[in-house]
Amino acid sequence: MWVEVDGKRLTCEVKTERKHAQTRNICLEYWNPRSNKPSGVSASQSHLWVTVLADSIWCVRTEELKRFVSALAPGDGVRRLERIGDGNSNAFIVPDRLLLGPVYFRLDSELDPLALIRY
């Protein structure tokens, strides 16, 4: 997906967290163990990473999220899961308090669309 803001095209990767309301966690896939290659956040070439929750929409520069994920380690509520889903994804489960605000900004309350360019 892409959006055009002030004549600039920004690509977006959009993810939905269906269980967030119950768990208060965000899942960040980063590795494909079957192909032994980066996946998810680590492989994304988008400018922006958008996470859609039941009651809000959050956004972060993909490069900033990649730095965050590369520094993650289990602890403080962060869990690393291996071979989840159909067995070809490794991911971190991260409490939303570590992401929403400190890393992501709330997009659905942003009044100035040019903030995406300045952000």
N, C-alpha and C. Protein backbone atom coordinates (compact mmCIF):
# COMPACT_ATOMS: atom_id res chain seq x y z
N MET A 1 0.84 -1.16 0.00
CA MET A 1 0.00 0.00 0.00
C MET A 1 0.89 1.24 0.00
N TRP A 2 0.41 2.30 -0.59
CA TRP A 2 1.16 3.54 -0.55
C TRP A 2 0.19 4.70 -0.38
N VAL A 3 0.71 5.79 0.13
CA VAL A 3 -0.04 7.03 0.23
C VAL A 3 0.81 8.13 -0.38
N GLU A 4 0.15 9.12 -0.93
CA GLU A 4 0.88 10.27 -1.45
C GLU A 4 0.59 11.46 -0.56
N VAL A 5 1.65 12.06 -0.04
CA VAL A 5 1.52 13.21 0.85
C VAL A 5 2.43 14.30 0.32
N ASP A 6 1.84 15.43 0.01
CA ASP A 6 2.61 16.58 -0.47
C ASP A 6 3.50 16.21 -1.66
N GLY A 7 2.95 15.38 -2.56
CA GLY A 7 3.68 15.00 -3.77
C GLY A 7 4.70 13.90 -3.57
N LYS A 8 4.81 13.38 -2.37
CA LYS A 8 5.78 12.30 -2.11
C LYS A 8 5.02 11.00 -1.86
N ARG A 9 5.49 9.95 -2.51
CA ARG A 9 4.86 8.63 -2.36
C ARG A 9 5.56 7.87 -1.24
N LEU A 10 4.77 7.47 -0.25
CA LEU A 10 5.28 6.69 0.87
C LEU A 10 4.64 5.31 0.84
N THR A 11 5.45 4.26 0.88
CA THR A 11 4.90 2.92 0.93
C THR A 11 4.63 2.55 2.39
N CYS A 12 3.57 1.78 2.60
CA CYS A 12 3.15 1.41 3.94
C CYS A 12 2.93 -0.10 4.01
N GLU A 13 3.38 -0.69 5.07
CA GLU A 13 3.05 -2.08 5.39
C GLU A 13 1.99 -1.98 6.48
N VAL A 14 0.86 -2.62 6.27
CA VAL A 14 -0.26 -2.51 7.21
C VAL A 14 -0.54 -3.87 7.83
N LYS A 15 -0.55 -3.91 9.16
CA LYS A 15 -0.81 -5.15 9.90
C LYS A 15 -1.98 -4.91 10.85
N THR A 16 -2.75 -5.96 11.09
CA THR A 16 -3.87 -5.90 12.02
C THR A 16 -3.57 -6.81 13.21
N GLU A 17 -3.81 -6.31 14.39
CA GLU A 17 -3.63 -7.10 15.61
C GLU A 17 -5.01 -7.43 16.17
N ARG A 18 -5.54 -8.58 15.77
CA ARG A 18 -6.90 -8.95 16.15
C ARG A 18 -7.05 -9.31 17.63
N LYS A 19 -5.99 -9.79 18.26
CA LYS A 19 -6.08 -10.21 19.66
C LYS A 19 -5.60 -9.14 20.64
N HIS A 20 -5.25 -7.98 20.13
CA HIS A 20 -4.68 -6.94 20.98
C HIS A 20 -5.58 -6.57 22.15
N ALA A 21 -6.88 -6.46 21.93
CA ALA A 21 -7.80 -6.05 22.99
C ALA A 21 -7.74 -7.02 24.18
N GLN A 22 -7.50 -8.29 23.91
CA GLN A 22 -7.41 -9.28 24.99
C GLN A 22 -6.01 -9.37 25.58
N THR A 23 -4.98 -9.26 24.75
CA THR A 23 -3.61 -9.53 25.21
C THR A 23 -2.80 -8.29 25.54
N ARG A 24 -3.15 -7.15 24.92
CA ARG A 24 -2.38 -5.90 25.04
C ARG A 24 -0.96 -6.07 24.48
N ASN A 25 -0.79 -7.00 23.55
CA ASN A 25 0.51 -7.27 22.92
C ASN A 25 0.47 -6.99 21.43
N ILE A 26 1.66 -6.75 20.87
CA ILE A 26 1.85 -6.59 19.43
C ILE A 26 2.83 -7.68 18.99
N CYS A 27 2.51 -8.37 17.90
CA CYS A 27 3.38 -9.41 17.37
C CYS A 27 4.22 -8.82 16.24
N LEU A 28 5.54 -8.98 16.34
CA LEU A 28 6.47 -8.47 15.32
C LEU A 28 7.28 -9.62 14.76
N GLU A 29 6.89 -10.08 13.58
CA GLU A 29 7.62 -11.16 12.90
C GLU A 29 8.94 -10.59 12.38
N TYR A 30 10.01 -11.40 12.50
CA TYR A 30 11.32 -10.88 12.06
C TYR A 30 12.16 -11.90 11.30
N TRP A 31 11.82 -13.20 11.32
CA TRP A 31 12.70 -14.20 10.70
C TRP A 31 11.89 -15.38 10.18
N ASN A 32 12.30 -15.91 9.03
CA ASN A 32 11.71 -17.11 8.47
C ASN A 32 12.72 -18.25 8.66
N PRO A 33 12.47 -19.15 9.62
CA PRO A 33 13.44 -20.22 9.88
C PRO A 33 13.51 -21.28 8.78
N ARG A 34 12.47 -21.41 7.99
CA ARG A 34 12.50 -22.39 6.89
C ARG A 34 13.45 -21.94 5.79
N SER A 35 13.37 -20.69 5.41
CA SER A 35 14.24 -20.19 4.35
C SER A 35 15.51 -19.56 4.90
N ASN A 36 15.58 -19.45 6.23
CA ASN A 36 16.74 -18.85 6.89
C ASN A 36 17.02 -17.44 6.38
N LYS A 37 15.92 -16.64 6.29
CA LYS A 37 16.02 -15.27 5.79
C LYS A 37 15.16 -14.34 6.63
N PRO A 38 15.50 -13.06 6.61
CA PRO A 38 14.64 -12.08 7.30
C PRO A 38 13.23 -12.12 6.72
N SER A 39 12.26 -11.82 7.56
CA SER A 39 10.86 -11.71 7.13
C SER A 39 10.19 -10.65 7.98
N GLY A 40 8.95 -10.36 7.66
CA GLY A 40 8.20 -9.38 8.44
C GLY A 40 8.90 -8.04 8.49
N VAL A 41 9.03 -7.50 9.70
CA VAL A 41 9.67 -6.19 9.89
C VAL A 41 11.07 -6.18 9.30
N SER A 42 11.83 -7.22 9.53
CA SER A 42 13.23 -7.24 9.10
C SER A 42 13.40 -7.22 7.58
N ALA A 43 12.40 -7.71 6.86
CA ALA A 43 12.50 -7.77 5.40
C ALA A 43 11.75 -6.64 4.70
N SER A 44 10.95 -5.91 5.43
CA SER A 44 10.11 -4.88 4.81
C SER A 44 10.95 -3.79 4.15
N GLN A 45 10.48 -3.35 2.99
CA GLN A 45 11.11 -2.24 2.29
C GLN A 45 10.22 -1.00 2.31
N SER A 46 9.17 -1.05 3.12
CA SER A 46 8.25 0.08 3.20
C SER A 46 8.87 1.25 3.95
N HIS A 47 8.31 2.42 3.72
CA HIS A 47 8.71 3.61 4.48
C HIS A 47 8.09 3.59 5.88
N LEU A 48 6.81 3.17 5.92
CA LEU A 48 6.05 3.22 7.17
C LEU A 48 5.46 1.86 7.50
N TRP A 49 5.38 1.57 8.79
CA TRP A 49 4.77 0.35 9.30
C TRP A 49 3.54 0.79 10.08
N VAL A 50 2.37 0.32 9.68
CA VAL A 50 1.11 0.73 10.29
C VAL A 50 0.49 -0.47 10.99
N THR A 51 0.09 -0.28 12.23
CA THR A 51 -0.58 -1.33 12.99
C THR A 51 -1.99 -0.87 13.31
N VAL A 52 -2.97 -1.68 12.89
CA VAL A 52 -4.37 -1.36 13.11
C VAL A 52 -4.88 -2.18 14.30
N LEU A 53 -5.37 -1.48 15.31
CA LEU A 53 -5.97 -2.11 16.49
C LEU A 53 -7.48 -1.91 16.42
N ALA A 54 -8.21 -2.52 17.32
CA ALA A 54 -9.67 -2.40 17.31
C ALA A 54 -10.13 -0.95 17.47
N ASP A 55 -9.38 -0.15 18.22
CA ASP A 55 -9.83 1.20 18.54
C ASP A 55 -8.88 2.31 18.09
N SER A 56 -7.82 1.96 17.37
CA SER A 56 -6.84 2.98 17.00
C SER A 56 -5.93 2.48 15.89
N ILE A 57 -5.22 3.42 15.26
CA ILE A 57 -4.27 3.11 14.20
C ILE A 57 -2.95 3.77 14.56
N TRP A 58 -1.85 3.00 14.51
CA TRP A 58 -0.54 3.46 14.94
C TRP A 58 0.46 3.33 13.80
N CYS A 59 1.45 4.19 13.78
CA CYS A 59 2.41 4.24 12.68
C CYS A 59 3.81 4.49 13.21
N VAL A 60 4.80 3.94 12.50
CA VAL A 60 6.21 4.16 12.83
C VAL A 60 7.00 4.07 11.53
N ARG A 61 8.10 4.77 11.46
CA ARG A 61 9.00 4.59 10.32
C ARG A 61 9.53 3.16 10.40
N THR A 62 9.51 2.47 9.30
CA THR A 62 9.95 1.07 9.28
C THR A 62 11.40 0.95 9.75
N GLU A 63 12.27 1.85 9.34
CA GLU A 63 13.67 1.78 9.77
C GLU A 63 13.80 1.90 11.29
N GLU A 64 12.97 2.73 11.91
CA GLU A 64 13.01 2.86 13.36
C GLU A 64 12.53 1.57 14.03
N LEU A 65 11.48 0.96 13.47
CA LEU A 65 10.99 -0.30 14.02
C LEU A 65 12.01 -1.42 13.85
N LYS A 66 12.72 -1.42 12.72
CA LYS A 66 13.78 -2.42 12.52
C LYS A 66 14.86 -2.29 13.60
N ARG A 67 15.24 -1.07 13.92
CA ARG A 67 16.25 -0.86 14.99
C ARG A 67 15.72 -1.35 16.32
N PHE A 68 14.45 -1.07 16.59
CA PHE A 68 13.82 -1.51 17.84
C PHE A 68 13.84 -3.03 17.93
N VAL A 69 13.42 -3.70 16.86
CA VAL A 69 13.36 -5.17 16.85
C VAL A 69 14.75 -5.78 16.97
N SER A 70 15.74 -5.19 16.32
CA SER A 70 17.10 -5.76 16.39
C SER A 70 17.68 -5.67 17.80
N ALA A 71 17.16 -4.77 18.62
CA ALA A 71 17.65 -4.62 19.99
C ALA A 71 16.82 -5.40 21.00
N LEU A 72 15.73 -6.04 20.56
CA LEU A 72 14.85 -6.75 21.48
C LEU A 72 15.50 -8.01 22.04
N ALA A 73 15.13 -8.32 23.26
CA ALA A 73 15.52 -9.56 23.92
C ALA A 73 14.39 -9.92 24.87
N PRO A 74 14.18 -11.20 25.12
CA PRO A 74 13.14 -11.58 26.08
C PRO A 74 13.36 -10.92 27.44
N GLY A 75 12.27 -10.55 28.06
CA GLY A 75 12.30 -9.90 29.36
C GLY A 75 11.38 -8.69 29.35
N ASP A 76 10.97 -8.21 30.50
CA ASP A 76 10.06 -7.07 30.64
C ASP A 76 8.78 -7.30 29.83
N GLY A 77 8.31 -8.54 29.82
CA GLY A 77 7.09 -8.87 29.09
C GLY A 77 7.30 -9.26 27.65
N VAL A 78 8.49 -9.06 27.11
CA VAL A 78 8.79 -9.43 25.72
C VAL A 78 9.06 -10.93 25.66
N ARG A 79 8.42 -11.58 24.71
CA ARG A 79 8.65 -13.02 24.50
C ARG A 79 9.07 -13.26 23.06
N ARG A 80 9.97 -14.22 22.87
CA ARG A 80 10.38 -14.63 21.52
C ARG A 80 9.70 -15.97 21.24
N LEU A 81 8.98 -16.03 20.12
CA LEU A 81 8.32 -17.26 19.71
C LEU A 81 8.96 -17.75 18.43
N GLU A 82 9.16 -19.06 18.34
CA GLU A 82 9.80 -19.62 17.15
C GLU A 82 8.85 -20.58 16.45
N ARG A 83 8.94 -20.57 15.12
CA ARG A 83 8.16 -21.45 14.26
C ARG A 83 6.66 -21.38 14.55
N ILE A 84 6.16 -20.15 14.60
CA ILE A 84 4.73 -19.95 14.88
C ILE A 84 3.93 -19.99 13.58
N GLY A 85 2.62 -19.96 13.71
CA GLY A 85 1.74 -20.02 12.55
C GLY A 85 1.92 -21.33 11.82
N ASP A 86 2.30 -21.26 10.56
CA ASP A 86 2.52 -22.48 9.79
C ASP A 86 3.95 -22.98 9.91
N GLY A 87 4.66 -22.50 10.93
CA GLY A 87 6.00 -22.98 11.22
C GLY A 87 7.13 -22.24 10.53
N ASN A 88 6.80 -21.18 9.79
CA ASN A 88 7.87 -20.48 9.09
C ASN A 88 8.04 -19.04 9.56
N SER A 89 7.72 -18.77 10.83
CA SER A 89 7.88 -17.42 11.35
C SER A 89 8.42 -17.43 12.77
N ASN A 90 9.43 -16.62 12.99
CA ASN A 90 9.87 -16.31 14.35
C ASN A 90 9.41 -14.88 14.62
N ALA A 91 8.96 -14.63 15.84
CA ALA A 91 8.41 -13.32 16.15
C ALA A 91 8.65 -12.96 17.61
N PHE A 92 8.62 -11.68 17.87
CA PHE A 92 8.59 -11.18 19.24
C PHE A 92 7.16 -10.77 19.56
N ILE A 93 6.73 -11.11 20.76
CA ILE A 93 5.47 -10.63 21.30
C ILE A 93 5.84 -9.53 22.27
N VAL A 94 5.37 -8.31 21.99
CA VAL A 94 5.82 -7.14 22.73
C VAL A 94 4.62 -6.45 23.39
N PRO A 95 4.69 -6.18 24.69
CA PRO A 95 3.61 -5.44 25.34
C PRO A 95 3.42 -4.07 24.67
N ASP A 96 2.19 -3.69 24.47
CA ASP A 96 1.93 -2.43 23.76
C ASP A 96 2.53 -1.22 24.48
N ARG A 97 2.71 -1.27 25.78
CA ARG A 97 3.27 -0.14 26.52
C ARG A 97 4.70 0.19 26.08
N LEU A 98 5.39 -0.80 25.49
CA LEU A 98 6.75 -0.57 25.01
C LEU A 98 6.79 0.00 23.59
N LEU A 99 5.64 -0.06 22.90
CA LEU A 99 5.58 0.37 21.50
C LEU A 99 4.72 1.61 21.26
N LEU A 100 3.50 1.59 21.79
CA LEU A 100 2.52 2.63 21.47
C LEU A 100 2.83 3.89 22.27
N GLY A 101 3.38 4.86 21.61
CA GLY A 101 3.84 6.09 22.26
C GLY A 101 5.35 6.18 22.21
N PRO A 102 6.07 5.24 22.86
CA PRO A 102 7.53 5.31 22.81
C PRO A 102 8.13 5.11 21.41
N VAL A 103 7.50 4.26 20.58
CA VAL A 103 8.04 3.97 19.25
C VAL A 103 7.06 4.41 18.16
N TYR A 104 5.82 4.00 18.26
CA TYR A 104 4.78 4.35 17.30
C TYR A 104 4.13 5.68 17.69
N PHE A 105 3.56 6.37 16.69
CA PHE A 105 2.67 7.49 17.01
C PHE A 105 1.27 7.13 16.54
N ARG A 106 0.29 7.72 17.19
CA ARG A 106 -1.09 7.41 16.87
C ARG A 106 -1.50 8.15 15.61
N LEU A 107 -1.82 7.40 14.59
CA LEU A 107 -2.11 7.97 13.28
C LEU A 107 -3.54 8.48 13.17
N ASP A 108 -4.48 7.79 13.77
CA ASP A 108 -5.88 8.18 13.61
C ASP A 108 -6.22 9.46 14.37
N SER A 109 -5.33 9.95 15.23
CA SER A 109 -5.57 11.22 15.91
C SER A 109 -4.69 12.33 15.34
N GLU A 110 -3.85 12.00 14.36
CA GLU A 110 -2.95 12.98 13.74
C GLU A 110 -3.77 13.88 12.81
N LEU A 111 -3.77 15.18 13.08
CA LEU A 111 -4.57 16.10 12.29
C LEU A 111 -3.84 16.60 11.05
N ASP A 112 -2.53 16.58 11.05
CA ASP A 112 -1.73 17.13 9.97
C ASP A 112 -1.10 15.99 9.16
N PRO A 113 -1.62 15.67 7.96
CA PRO A 113 -1.04 14.57 7.19
C PRO A 113 0.41 14.79 6.79
N LEU A 114 0.86 16.05 6.77
CA LEU A 114 2.25 16.33 6.43
C LEU A 114 3.19 15.87 7.54
N ALA A 115 2.64 15.54 8.70
CA ALA A 115 3.47 15.02 9.79
C ALA A 115 4.13 13.71 9.38
N LEU A 116 3.52 12.99 8.47
CA LEU A 116 4.12 11.75 7.98
C LEU A 116 5.46 12.03 7.31
N ILE A 117 5.54 13.14 6.60
CA ILE A 117 6.78 13.50 5.91
C ILE A 117 7.80 13.99 6.93
N ARG A 118 7.37 14.81 7.87
CA ARG A 118 8.29 15.39 8.86
C ARG A 118 8.72 14.36 9.89
N TYR A 119 7.87 13.37 10.17
CA TYR A 119 8.10 12.38 11.22
C TYR A 119 9.39 11.64 11.04
